[in-house]
Amino acid sequence: MNQLSEQAQLRVADIRRRFIENLPELIQQLKSDAQKGDAESIERLQGTAHRLVGSAGTFGLKAVSTAGMELERRIRACASEHDTLKAIGVLEQALNTDMSNLPGVSSDK
């Protein structure tokens, strides 16, 4: 497989940085949708969690991806608001774990 050009590597690094910067806002949206609990919010919650799992895995945030999978599982199982919010809390902890393990990434957000 061909190595990515330096320009492509910089572009991927920029996309990853922006993804990581937006995670706290994304987590707040997950919480908001879980608390609303209406059908539209739950559908948005499930879609957001699913995209989060894939993107986190792509960008090397393994703990976030794993916690996101558990959140997805709870949503599919129609877990209570309390259980869903608990899974989102685990997701926040996973973000902190991943951030502390990534070289060159500051978690001072």
Protein backbone atom coordinates (compact mmCIF):
# COMPACT_ATOMS: atom_id res chain seq x y z
CA MET A 1 0.00 0.00 0.00
CA ASN A 2 1.29 3.46 -0.86
CA GLN A 3 2.30 5.81 1.89
CA LEU A 4 0.16 8.90 2.23
CA SER A 5 1.79 12.03 0.91
CA GLU A 6 2.88 14.58 3.47
CA GLN A 7 0.02 16.82 2.36
CA ALA A 8 -2.51 14.00 2.83
CA GLN A 9 -1.06 13.18 6.26
CA LEU A 10 -1.44 16.82 7.30
CA ARG A 11 -5.02 16.85 6.05
CA VAL A 12 -5.88 13.67 7.98
CA ALA A 13 -4.22 15.13 11.09
CA ASP A 14 -6.31 18.29 10.72
CA ILE A 15 -9.55 16.32 10.35
CA ARG A 16 -8.63 14.24 13.41
CA ARG A 17 -7.85 17.37 15.43
CA ARG A 18 -11.21 18.93 14.52
CA PHE A 19 -13.02 15.69 15.37
CA ILE A 20 -11.35 15.59 18.80
CA GLU A 21 -12.08 19.28 19.41
CA ASN A 22 -15.78 18.70 18.66
CA LEU A 23 -16.17 15.66 20.92
CA PRO A 24 -17.17 17.58 24.08
CA GLU A 25 -19.96 19.34 22.14
CA LEU A 26 -21.01 16.03 20.61
CA ILE A 27 -21.21 14.44 24.06
CA GLN A 28 -23.40 17.32 25.26
CA GLN A 29 -25.71 16.71 22.30
CA LEU A 30 -25.88 13.01 23.19
CA LYS A 31 -26.87 13.92 26.76
CA SER A 32 -29.49 16.38 25.56
CA ASP A 33 -31.05 13.84 23.20
CA ALA A 34 -31.05 11.16 25.90
CA GLN A 35 -32.81 13.50 28.31
CA LYS A 36 -35.44 14.56 25.79
CA GLY A 37 -36.32 10.96 25.10
CA ASP A 38 -38.78 11.61 22.26
CA ALA A 39 -38.61 9.44 19.13
CA GLU A 40 -36.77 12.04 17.04
CA SER A 41 -34.15 12.63 19.76
CA ILE A 42 -33.61 8.90 20.28
CA GLU A 43 -33.18 8.40 16.53
CA ARG A 44 -30.64 11.25 16.46
CA LEU A 45 -28.93 9.78 19.54
CA GLN A 46 -28.58 6.40 17.86
CA GLY A 47 -27.24 7.87 14.62
CA THR A 48 -24.78 10.11 16.43
CA ALA A 49 -23.53 7.25 18.59
CA HIS A 50 -23.06 5.07 15.51
CA ARG A 51 -21.07 7.72 13.65
CA LEU A 52 -19.02 8.37 16.78
CA VAL A 53 -18.03 4.70 17.03
CA GLY A 54 -16.75 4.61 13.46
CA SER A 55 -14.98 7.96 13.53
CA ALA A 56 -13.36 7.33 16.91
CA GLY A 57 -12.07 3.99 15.66
CA THR A 58 -10.74 5.57 12.48
CA PHE A 59 -8.84 8.21 14.45
CA GLY A 60 -7.36 5.79 17.00
CA LEU A 61 -9.63 6.61 19.93
CA LYS A 62 -10.18 2.98 20.92
CA ALA A 63 -11.70 3.60 24.35
CA VAL A 64 -14.17 6.12 22.90
CA SER A 65 -15.12 3.69 20.13
CA THR A 66 -15.65 0.85 22.62
CA ALA A 67 -17.72 3.06 24.96
CA GLY A 68 -19.72 4.25 21.97
CA MET A 69 -20.51 0.64 21.05
CA GLU A 70 -21.90 0.09 24.54
CA LEU A 71 -23.98 3.25 24.21
CA GLU A 72 -25.33 1.99 20.89
CA ARG A 73 -26.18 -1.35 22.50
CA ARG A 74 -28.10 0.35 25.28
CA ILE A 75 -30.02 2.53 22.84
CA ARG A 76 -31.01 -0.51 20.75
CA ALA A 77 -32.11 -2.26 23.96
CA CYS A 78 -34.31 0.74 24.84
CA ALA A 79 -32.38 1.35 28.06
CA SER A 80 -33.72 3.85 30.55
CA GLU A 81 -32.62 7.48 30.43
CA HIS A 82 -30.52 6.83 33.53
CA ASP A 83 -28.69 3.89 31.92
CA THR A 84 -28.18 5.79 28.69
CA LEU A 85 -26.76 8.80 30.54
CA LYS A 86 -24.53 6.45 32.52
CA ALA A 87 -23.17 5.05 29.23
CA ILE A 88 -22.55 8.62 28.02
CA GLY A 89 -20.62 9.26 31.25
CA VAL A 90 -18.46 6.23 30.49
CA LEU A 91 -17.95 7.68 27.03
CA GLU A 92 -16.70 10.93 28.59
CA GLN A 93 -14.26 8.98 30.76
CA ALA A 94 -13.08 7.08 27.69
CA LEU A 95 -12.41 10.37 25.94
CA ASN A 96 -10.21 11.47 28.83
CA THR A 97 -8.38 8.12 28.73
CA ASP A 98 -7.80 8.31 24.99
CA MET A 99 -6.72 11.94 25.15
CA SER A 100 -4.09 11.16 27.78
CA ASN A 101 -2.74 8.35 25.59
CA LEU A 102 -2.48 10.26 22.32
CA PRO A 103 0.87 11.85 21.58
CA GLY A 104 0.73 15.50 20.69
CA VAL A 105 -2.91 15.99 21.70
CA SER A 106 -3.88 18.24 24.57
CA SER A 107 -7.02 17.51 26.58
CA ASP A 108 -7.16 21.03 28.02
CA LYS A 109 -10.60 21.74 26.54
